[in-house]
Amino acid sequence: MDKSFVRVLGVRIDMVDYEKTISLIADCISSHSVGSYICVSPVHPIMVAQKDEELRQALSDSRLTVADGRPVVWAARLLGASIKNTVRGTNLMVRTCEMAERKNYSIFLYGSKQETLRKLREYLLRRFPRLRVVGTYSPPFRNLTQHEKTDIINLINSANPDILFVGLGAPKQEKWMASFCPYINVPVTLGVGAAFDFLSGERKQAPVWMQVRGLEWLFRLVNEPDRLWARYFVYNSLYIFLITKQLLKERFFRPRST
């Protein structure tokens, strides 16, 4: 087994922490490479990927796919991986911006509503006064036309950011990165899920004690029951069942080496 990653229900989860992830981002920029993207994966995209081949391929083609959630870390450990903690999208965005300010790297913010982007930009500049935010864009909440896709690619390329943050939510952001990254001249793109909403103040984050105990889902469910009840009750229950099935298969039905 390659100890650098583990497959959780067929989805590659890389065995990295914040420091290794930030180091990879810096390496992509310093080497002037383009097209790399990083996915942060809680349970939801893993479960959607069971039936969505486009999403599964997008996760597979990423430079890194990291564990954003305690249930993913627990599953990885049960499957024999040496992973210590989560790499949450919100924290990863903050740490990346801290590094970007220190190294004078520029960022671009793509996704969410215009008002959310305004609040997010203000928050980041209050926290990191020397951070270079070279552009923001709020896309329409529908499928893009080919003309709009071309305009977006040109907009991002003309801004010439070192780092592109995408906040569209799963599975839309993973598919967007897989589709757009080959055409944008950005060293590294990060799909950071609800980080835009959390950091802008549009949504509340779970207390740290709930995050470390794997109860962030409960906090979000209480705050957004209409939107999230199906995701957590249906997907999380099915996730436990399928992880148990994978564990039993790997421990008791793995072919013996001769």
C-alpha atoms as a PDB file:
ATOM      1  CA  MET A   1       0.000   0.000   0.000  1.00  0.00           C
ATOM      2  CA  ASP A   2       1.291   3.484  -0.933  1.00  0.00           C
ATOM      3  CA  LYS A   3       1.509   5.241   2.428  1.00  0.00           C
ATOM      4  CA  SER A   4       1.208   8.660   0.793  1.00  0.00           C
ATOM      5  CA  PHE A   5      -2.533   8.189   0.312  1.00  0.00           C
ATOM      6  CA  VAL A   6      -5.454   5.926   1.121  1.00  0.00           C
ATOM      7  CA  ARG A   7      -8.592   5.226  -0.869  1.00  0.00           C
ATOM      8  CA  VAL A   8     -11.778   5.924   1.066  1.00  0.00           C
ATOM      9  CA  LEU A   9     -14.636   4.356  -0.902  1.00  0.00           C
ATOM     10  CA  GLY A  10     -12.490   4.628  -4.008  1.00  0.00           C
ATOM     11  CA  VAL A  11     -11.609   8.310  -3.506  1.00  0.00           C
ATOM     12  CA  ARG A  12      -7.911   9.102  -3.018  1.00  0.00           C
ATOM     13  CA  ILE A  13      -7.234  10.926   0.239  1.00  0.00           C
ATOM     14  CA  ASP A  14      -3.663  12.199   0.526  1.00  0.00           C
ATOM     15  CA  MET A  15      -1.825  11.782   3.813  1.00  0.00           C
ATOM     16  CA  VAL A  16      -0.759  15.399   4.291  1.00  0.00           C
ATOM     17  CA  ASP A  17      -1.117  18.015   7.023  1.00  0.00           C
ATOM     18  CA  TYR A  18      -1.416  21.796   6.747  1.00  0.00           C
ATOM     19  CA  GLU A  19       2.355  22.287   6.585  1.00  0.00           C
ATOM     20  CA  LYS A  20       2.853  19.840   3.714  1.00  0.00           C
ATOM     21  CA  THR A  21      -0.117  21.274   1.836  1.00  0.00           C
ATOM     22  CA  ILE A  22       1.127  24.853   2.211  1.00  0.00           C
ATOM     23  CA  SER A  23       4.605  23.721   1.172  1.00  0.00           C
ATOM     24  CA  LEU A  24       3.202  22.170  -2.014  1.00  0.00           C
ATOM     25  CA  ILE A  25       1.311  25.385  -2.803  1.00  0.00           C
ATOM     26  CA  ALA A  26       4.513  27.418  -2.411  1.00  0.00           C
ATOM     27  CA  ASP A  27       6.433  24.922  -4.573  1.00  0.00           C
ATOM     28  CA  CYS A  28       3.836  25.200  -7.367  1.00  0.00           C
ATOM     29  CA  ILE A  29       4.215  28.975  -7.357  1.00  0.00           C
ATOM     30  CA  SER A  30       7.999  29.076  -7.139  1.00  0.00           C
ATOM     31  CA  SER A  31       8.353  26.527  -9.948  1.00  0.00           C
ATOM     32  CA  HIS A  32       5.996  28.579 -12.191  1.00  0.00           C
ATOM     33  CA  SER A  33       3.878  25.530 -12.927  1.00  0.00           C
ATOM     34  CA  VAL A  34       0.211  25.961 -13.871  1.00  0.00           C
ATOM     35  CA  GLY A  35      -2.938  23.870 -13.694  1.00  0.00           C
ATOM     36  CA  SER A  36      -2.608  22.215 -10.281  1.00  0.00           C
ATOM     37  CA  TYR A  37      -5.677  22.147  -8.057  1.00  0.00           C
ATOM     38  CA  ILE A  38      -6.363  20.969  -4.505  1.00  0.00           C
ATOM     39  CA  CYS A  39      -9.637  19.495  -3.241  1.00  0.00           C
ATOM     40  CA  VAL A  40     -10.767  19.470   0.371  1.00  0.00           C
ATOM     41  CA  SER A  41     -13.036  16.500   0.899  1.00  0.00           C
ATOM     42  CA  PRO A  42     -15.487  15.869   3.733  1.00  0.00           C
ATOM     43  CA  VAL A  43     -17.966  12.981   3.568  1.00  0.00           C
ATOM     44  CA  HIS A  44     -20.360  14.678   1.130  1.00  0.00           C
ATOM     45  CA  PRO A  45     -18.228  14.701  -2.071  1.00  0.00           C
ATOM     46  CA  ILE A  46     -16.959  11.188  -1.314  1.00  0.00           C
ATOM     47  CA  MET A  47     -20.546   9.956  -1.229  1.00  0.00           C
ATOM     48  CA  VAL A  48     -21.626  11.935  -4.305  1.00  0.00           C
ATOM     49  CA  ALA A  49     -18.627  10.484  -6.158  1.00  0.00           C
ATOM     50  CA  GLN A  50     -20.010   6.963  -5.671  1.00  0.00           C
ATOM     51  CA  LYS A  51     -22.485   7.651  -8.486  1.00  0.00           C
ATOM     52  CA  ASP A  52     -21.012  10.744 -10.141  1.00  0.00           C
ATOM     53  CA  GLU A  53     -18.166   9.674 -12.426  1.00  0.00           C
ATOM     54  CA  GLU A  54     -17.300  13.261 -13.403  1.00  0.00           C
ATOM     55  CA  LEU A  55     -16.759  14.174  -9.751  1.00  0.00           C
ATOM     56  CA  ARG A  56     -14.785  10.991  -9.082  1.00  0.00           C
ATOM     57  CA  GLN A  57     -12.488  11.826 -12.004  1.00  0.00           C
ATOM     58  CA  ALA A  58     -12.085  15.428 -10.824  1.00  0.00           C
ATOM     59  CA  LEU A  59     -11.031  14.223  -7.375  1.00  0.00           C
ATOM     60  CA  SER A  60      -8.661  11.708  -8.930  1.00  0.00           C
ATOM     61  CA  ASP A  61      -7.023  14.323 -11.175  1.00  0.00           C
ATOM     62  CA  SER A  62      -6.338  16.779  -8.343  1.00  0.00           C
ATOM     63  CA  ARG A  63      -2.796  17.488  -7.200  1.00  0.00           C
ATOM     64  CA  LEU A  64      -4.006  16.776  -3.663  1.00  0.00           C
ATOM     65  CA  THR A  65      -7.293  15.693  -2.115  1.00  0.00           C
ATOM     66  CA  VAL A  66      -7.201  16.280   1.633  1.00  0.00           C
ATOM     67  CA  ALA A  67      -9.408  15.089   4.489  1.00  0.00           C
ATOM     68  CA  ASP A  68     -11.754  17.893   5.496  1.00  0.00           C
ATOM     69  CA  GLY A  69     -13.656  16.265   8.345  1.00  0.00           C
ATOM     70  CA  ARG A  70     -13.112  13.916  11.251  1.00  0.00           C
ATOM     71  CA  PRO A  71     -15.201  11.064   9.745  1.00  0.00           C
ATOM     72  CA  VAL A  72     -12.831  10.962   6.760  1.00  0.00           C
ATOM     73  CA  VAL A  73      -9.787  10.920   9.059  1.00  0.00           C
ATOM     74  CA  TRP A  74     -11.314   8.136  11.175  1.00  0.00           C
ATOM     75  CA  ALA A  75     -12.016   6.055   8.079  1.00  0.00           C
ATOM     76  CA  ALA A  76      -8.484   6.616   6.774  1.00  0.00           C
ATOM     77  CA  ARG A  77      -7.017   5.470  10.094  1.00  0.00           C
ATOM     78  CA  LEU A  78      -9.190   2.361  10.170  1.00  0.00           C
ATOM     79  CA  LEU A  79      -7.928   1.599   6.666  1.00  0.00           C
ATOM     80  CA  GLY A  80      -4.344   1.687   7.932  1.00  0.00           C
ATOM     81  CA  ALA A  81      -3.282   5.228   7.052  1.00  0.00           C
ATOM     82  CA  SER A  82      -1.117   7.299   9.393  1.00  0.00           C
ATOM     83  CA  ILE A  83      -3.049  10.562   9.291  1.00  0.00           C
ATOM     84  CA  LYS A  84      -3.139  12.735  12.393  1.00  0.00           C
ATOM     85  CA  ASN A  85      -5.730  15.372  11.692  1.00  0.00           C
ATOM     86  CA  THR A  86      -8.012  17.098   9.231  1.00  0.00           C
ATOM     87  CA  VAL A  87      -7.071  19.761   6.694  1.00  0.00           C
ATOM     88  CA  ARG A  88     -10.192  21.954   6.832  1.00  0.00           C
ATOM     89  CA  GLY A  89     -10.926  24.229   3.914  1.00  0.00           C
ATOM     90  CA  THR A  90     -11.456  27.316   6.073  1.00  0.00           C
ATOM     91  CA  ASN A  91      -8.214  26.897   7.998  1.00  0.00           C
ATOM     92  CA  LEU A  92      -6.328  26.027   4.826  1.00  0.00           C
ATOM     93  CA  MET A  93      -7.522  29.236   3.183  1.00  0.00           C
ATOM     94  CA  VAL A  94      -6.432  31.337   6.169  1.00  0.00           C
ATOM     95  CA  ARG A  95      -3.021  29.665   6.374  1.00  0.00           C
ATOM     96  CA  THR A  96      -2.524  30.014   2.630  1.00  0.00           C
ATOM     97  CA  CYS A  97      -3.344  33.729   2.782  1.00  0.00           C
ATOM     98  CA  GLU A  98      -0.904  34.112   5.673  1.00  0.00           C
ATOM     99  CA  MET A  99       1.805  32.517   3.544  1.00  0.00           C
ATOM    100  CA  ALA A 100       0.790  34.604   0.525  1.00  0.00           C
ATOM    101  CA  GLU A 101       1.136  37.836   2.479  1.00  0.00           C
ATOM    102  CA  ARG A 102       4.548  36.793   3.778  1.00  0.00           C
ATOM    103  CA  LYS A 103       5.828  35.836   0.325  1.00  0.00           C
ATOM    104  CA  ASN A 104       4.036  38.621  -1.584  1.00  0.00           C
ATOM    105  CA  TYR A 105       1.888  36.179  -3.573  1.00  0.00           C
ATOM    106  CA  SER A 106      -1.399  37.384  -5.072  1.00  0.00           C
ATOM    107  CA  ILE A 107      -4.834  35.768  -4.768  1.00  0.00           C
ATOM    108  CA  PHE A 108      -8.110  35.754  -6.707  1.00  0.00           C
ATOM    109  CA  LEU A 109     -11.518  34.902  -5.188  1.00  0.00           C
ATOM    110  CA  TYR A 110     -14.061  33.075  -7.380  1.00  0.00           C
ATOM    111  CA  GLY A 111     -17.533  32.046  -6.298  1.00  0.00           C
ATOM    112  CA  SER A 112     -20.419  32.917  -3.972  1.00  0.00           C
ATOM    113  CA  LYS A 113     -22.448  36.154  -4.008  1.00  0.00           C
ATOM    114  CA  GLN A 114     -20.998  39.587  -4.684  1.00  0.00           C
ATOM    115  CA  GLU A 115     -21.827  40.771  -1.160  1.00  0.00           C
ATOM    116  CA  THR A 116     -20.140  37.708   0.324  1.00  0.00           C
ATOM    117  CA  LEU A 117     -17.030  38.385  -1.751  1.00  0.00           C
ATOM    118  CA  ARG A 118     -16.985  42.002  -0.548  1.00  0.00           C
ATOM    119  CA  LYS A 119     -17.160  40.938   3.105  1.00  0.00           C
ATOM    120  CA  LEU A 120     -14.597  38.186   2.545  1.00  0.00           C
ATOM    121  CA  ARG A 121     -12.152  40.578   0.904  1.00  0.00           C
ATOM    122  CA  GLU A 122     -12.569  43.046   3.760  1.00  0.00           C
ATOM    123  CA  TYR A 123     -12.001  40.310   6.329  1.00  0.00           C
ATOM    124  CA  LEU A 124      -8.850  39.036   4.639  1.00  0.00           C
ATOM    125  CA  LEU A 125      -7.368  42.512   4.293  1.00  0.00           C
ATOM    126  CA  ARG A 126      -8.094  43.318   7.938  1.00  0.00           C
ATOM    127  CA  ARG A 127      -6.309  40.145   8.974  1.00  0.00           C
ATOM    128  CA  PHE A 128      -3.550  40.337   6.336  1.00  0.00           C
ATOM    129  CA  PRO A 129      -3.126  44.042   5.444  1.00  0.00           C
ATOM    130  CA  ARG A 130      -0.384  43.406   2.854  1.00  0.00           C
ATOM    131  CA  LEU A 131      -2.214  40.584   1.089  1.00  0.00           C
ATOM    132  CA  ARG A 132      -2.602  41.242  -2.639  1.00  0.00           C
ATOM    133  CA  VAL A 133      -6.181  40.480  -3.734  1.00  0.00           C
ATOM    134  CA  VAL A 134      -5.993  41.006  -7.505  1.00  0.00           C
ATOM    135  CA  GLY A 135      -9.574  40.106  -8.363  1.00  0.00           C
ATOM    136  CA  THR A 136     -12.950  38.694  -7.359  1.00  0.00           C
ATOM    137  CA  TYR A 137     -15.794  37.250  -9.411  1.00  0.00           C
ATOM    138  CA  SER A 138     -19.295  36.090  -8.504  1.00  0.00           C
ATOM    139  CA  PRO A 139     -20.543  33.731 -11.236  1.00  0.00           C
ATOM    140  CA  PRO A 140     -24.245  33.324 -12.079  1.00  0.00           C
ATOM    141  CA  PHE A 141     -26.081  30.523 -10.259  1.00  0.00           C
ATOM    142  CA  ARG A 142     -26.705  28.532 -13.435  1.00  0.00           C
ATOM    143  CA  ASN A 143     -24.735  26.737 -16.103  1.00  0.00           C
ATOM    144  CA  LEU A 144     -22.264  29.021 -17.831  1.00  0.00           C
ATOM    145  CA  THR A 145     -22.466  29.716 -21.547  1.00  0.00           C
ATOM    146  CA  GLN A 146     -19.375  29.107 -23.650  1.00  0.00           C
ATOM    147  CA  HIS A 147     -18.965  32.867 -24.054  1.00  0.00           C
ATOM    148  CA  GLU A 148     -19.081  33.324 -20.256  1.00  0.00           C
ATOM    149  CA  LYS A 149     -16.521  30.561 -19.770  1.00  0.00           C
ATOM    150  CA  THR A 150     -14.142  32.294 -22.184  1.00  0.00           C
ATOM    151  CA  ASP A 151     -14.668  35.646 -20.432  1.00  0.00           C
ATOM    152  CA  ILE A 152     -13.952  34.096 -17.025  1.00  0.00           C
ATOM    153  CA  ILE A 153     -10.752  32.454 -18.258  1.00  0.00           C
ATOM    154  CA  ASN A 154      -9.612  35.769 -19.751  1.00  0.00           C
ATOM    155  CA  LEU A 155     -10.533  37.665 -16.571  1.00  0.00           C
ATOM    156  CA  ILE A 156      -8.527  35.347 -14.322  1.00  0.00           C
ATOM    157  CA  ASN A 157      -5.564  35.206 -16.696  1.00  0.00           C
ATOM    158  CA  SER A 158      -5.448  38.985 -17.025  1.00  0.00           C
ATOM    159  CA  ALA A 159      -5.395  39.320 -13.220  1.00  0.00           C
ATOM    160  CA  ASN A 160      -2.469  36.861 -13.172  1.00  0.00           C
ATOM    161  CA  PRO A 161      -2.922  35.568  -9.599  1.00  0.00           C
ATOM    162  CA  ASP A 162      -0.537  33.157  -7.925  1.00  0.00           C
ATOM    163  CA  ILE A 163      -3.385  31.450  -6.058  1.00  0.00           C
ATOM    164  CA  LEU A 164      -7.042  31.059  -7.034  1.00  0.00           C
ATOM    165  CA  PHE A 165      -9.610  30.268  -4.328  1.00  0.00           C
ATOM    166  CA  VAL A 166     -12.852  28.688  -5.550  1.00  0.00           C
ATOM    167  CA  GLY A 167     -15.883  28.690  -3.266  1.00  0.00           C
ATOM    168  CA  LEU A 168     -18.694  27.006  -5.166  1.00  0.00           C
ATOM    169  CA  GLY A 169     -19.406  24.064  -2.855  1.00  0.00           C
ATOM    170  CA  ALA A 170     -19.145  20.385  -3.702  1.00  0.00           C
ATOM    171  CA  PRO A 171     -19.448  18.882  -6.240  1.00  0.00           C
ATOM    172  CA  LYS A 172     -19.601  22.028  -8.384  1.00  0.00           C
ATOM    173  CA  GLN A 173     -16.203  23.425  -7.401  1.00  0.00           C
ATOM    174  CA  GLU A 174     -14.321  20.176  -8.034  1.00  0.00           C
ATOM    175  CA  LYS A 175     -15.836  19.866 -11.502  1.00  0.00           C
ATOM    176  CA  TRP A 176     -15.134  23.551 -12.175  1.00  0.00           C
ATOM    177  CA  MET A 177     -11.461  23.167 -11.260  1.00  0.00           C
ATOM    178  CA  ALA A 178     -11.038  20.042 -13.380  1.00  0.00           C
ATOM    179  CA  SER A 179     -12.639  21.835 -16.333  1.00  0.00           C
ATOM    180  CA  PHE A 180     -11.030  25.293 -16.020  1.00  0.00           C
ATOM    181  CA  CYS A 181      -7.556  24.676 -14.599  1.00  0.00           C
ATOM    182  CA  PRO A 182      -6.066  23.476 -17.918  1.00  0.00           C
ATOM    183  CA  TYR A 183      -6.925  26.904 -19.406  1.00  0.00           C
ATOM    184  CA  ILE A 184      -6.025  29.332 -16.629  1.00  0.00           C
ATOM    185  CA  ASN A 185      -2.452  30.448 -16.031  1.00  0.00           C
ATOM    186  CA  VAL A 186      -2.578  30.014 -12.266  1.00  0.00           C
ATOM    187  CA  PRO A 187       0.023  27.908 -10.423  1.00  0.00           C
ATOM    188  CA  VAL A 188      -2.454  26.465  -7.925  1.00  0.00           C
ATOM    189  CA  THR A 189      -6.220  26.541  -7.362  1.00  0.00           C
ATOM    190  CA  LEU A 190      -7.917  25.601  -4.096  1.00  0.00           C
ATOM    191  CA  GLY A 191     -11.539  24.527  -3.769  1.00  0.00           C
ATOM    192  CA  VAL A 192     -12.362  25.592  -0.231  1.00  0.00           C
ATOM    193  CA  GLY A 193     -16.061  24.812   0.082  1.00  0.00           C
ATOM    194  CA  ALA A 194     -17.941  26.932   2.608  1.00  0.00           C
ATOM    195  CA  ALA A 195     -14.831  28.895   3.649  1.00  0.00           C
ATOM    196  CA  PHE A 196     -16.096  31.978   1.788  1.00  0.00           C
ATOM    197  CA  ASP A 197     -19.300  31.974   3.844  1.00  0.00           C
ATOM    198  CA  PHE A 198     -17.559  31.238   7.151  1.00  0.00           C
ATOM    199  CA  LEU A 199     -14.803  33.835   6.835  1.00  0.00           C
ATOM    200  CA  SER A 200     -17.153  36.520   5.504  1.00  0.00           C
ATOM    201  CA  GLY A 201     -19.484  35.987   8.457  1.00  0.00           C
ATOM    202  CA  GLU A 202     -22.385  34.810   6.292  1.00  0.00           C
ATOM    203  CA  ARG A 203     -22.517  31.525   8.226  1.00  0.00           C
ATOM    204  CA  LYS A 204     -21.426  30.571  11.717  1.00  0.00           C
ATOM    205  CA  GLN A 205     -18.623  28.072  12.242  1.00  0.00           C
ATOM    206  CA  ALA A 206     -18.916  25.268  14.752  1.00  0.00           C
ATOM    207  CA  PRO A 207     -16.997  25.764  18.007  1.00  0.00           C
ATOM    208  CA  VAL A 208     -13.542  24.199  18.004  1.00  0.00           C
ATOM    209  CA  TRP A 209     -14.572  21.593  20.598  1.00  0.00           C
ATOM    210  CA  MET A 210     -17.271  20.340  18.225  1.00  0.00           C
ATOM    211  CA  GLN A 211     -14.859  20.306  15.276  1.00  0.00           C
ATOM    212  CA  VAL A 212     -12.253  18.160  17.066  1.00  0.00           C
ATOM    213  CA  ARG A 213     -14.933  15.696  18.185  1.00  0.00           C
ATOM    214  CA  GLY A 214     -16.356  15.270  14.711  1.00  0.00           C
ATOM    215  CA  LEU A 215     -19.597  17.110  15.579  1.00  0.00           C
ATOM    216  CA  GLU A 216     -19.363  19.968  13.097  1.00  0.00           C
ATOM    217  CA  TRP A 217     -22.078  18.278  11.041  1.00  0.00           C
ATOM    218  CA  LEU A 218     -24.470  18.522  14.015  1.00  0.00           C
ATOM    219  CA  PHE A 219     -23.806  22.235  14.450  1.00  0.00           C
ATOM    220  CA  ARG A 220     -24.423  22.910  10.762  1.00  0.00           C
ATOM    221  CA  LEU A 221     -27.520  20.714  10.755  1.00  0.00           C
ATOM    222  CA  VAL A 222     -29.048  22.641  13.665  1.00  0.00           C
ATOM    223  CA  ASN A 223     -28.341  25.939  11.895  1.00  0.00           C
ATOM    224  CA  GLU A 224     -29.447  24.837   8.398  1.00  0.00           C
ATOM    225  CA  PRO A 225     -31.856  21.898   8.846  1.00  0.00           C
ATOM    226  CA  ASP A 226     -33.855  22.416   5.632  1.00  0.00           C
ATOM    227  CA  ARG A 227     -30.745  22.433   3.438  1.00  0.00           C
ATOM    228  CA  LEU A 228     -28.628  19.795   5.173  1.00  0.00           C
ATOM    229  CA  TRP A 229     -30.886  17.174   6.758  1.00  0.00           C
ATOM    230  CA  ALA A 230     -30.802  14.833   3.744  1.00  0.00           C
ATOM    231  CA  ARG A 231     -27.049  15.211   3.317  1.00  0.00           C
ATOM    232  CA  TYR A 232     -26.243  14.270   6.884  1.00  0.00           C
ATOM    233  CA  PHE A 233     -28.904  11.687   7.700  1.00  0.00           C
ATOM    234  CA  VAL A 234     -28.847   9.882   4.362  1.00  0.00           C
ATOM    235  CA  TYR A 235     -25.235  10.292   3.250  1.00  0.00           C
ATOM    236  CA  ASN A 236     -23.644   9.905   6.691  1.00  0.00           C
ATOM    237  CA  SER A 237     -25.617   6.737   7.458  1.00  0.00           C
ATOM    238  CA  LEU A 238     -24.735   5.275   4.071  1.00  0.00           C
ATOM    239  CA  TYR A 239     -21.093   6.362   4.552  1.00  0.00           C
ATOM    240  CA  ILE A 240     -20.829   4.371   7.799  1.00  0.00           C
ATOM    241  CA  PHE A 241     -22.340   1.314   6.123  1.00  0.00           C
ATOM    242  CA  LEU A 242     -20.038   1.493   3.083  1.00  0.00           C
ATOM    243  CA  ILE A 243     -16.897   2.137   5.164  1.00  0.00           C
ATOM    244  CA  THR A 244     -17.744  -0.893   7.302  1.00  0.00           C
ATOM    245  CA  LYS A 245     -18.204  -2.925   4.125  1.00  0.00           C
ATOM    246  CA  GLN A 246     -14.838  -1.726   2.759  1.00  0.00           C
ATOM    247  CA  LEU A 247     -13.078  -2.563   6.032  1.00  0.00           C
ATOM    248  CA  LEU A 248     -14.532  -6.070   6.137  1.00  0.00           C
ATOM    249  CA  LYS A 249     -13.608  -6.663   2.518  1.00  0.00           C
ATOM    250  CA  GLU A 250     -10.020  -5.465   2.951  1.00  0.00           C
ATOM    251  CA  ARG A 251      -9.411  -7.320   6.225  1.00  0.00           C
ATOM    252  CA  PHE A 252     -11.081 -10.619   5.526  1.00  0.00           C
ATOM    253  CA  PHE A 253     -11.367 -11.006   1.761  1.00  0.00           C
ATOM    254  CA  ARG A 254      -8.065  -9.573   0.539  1.00  0.00           C
ATOM    255  CA  PRO A 255      -6.225 -12.138  -1.601  1.00  0.00           C
ATOM    256  CA  ARG A 256      -3.235 -13.638   0.192  1.00  0.00           C
ATOM    257  CA  SER A 257       0.166 -13.126  -1.372  1.00  0.00           C
ATOM    258  CA  THR A 258       1.940 -16.277  -2.455  1.00  0.00           C
END
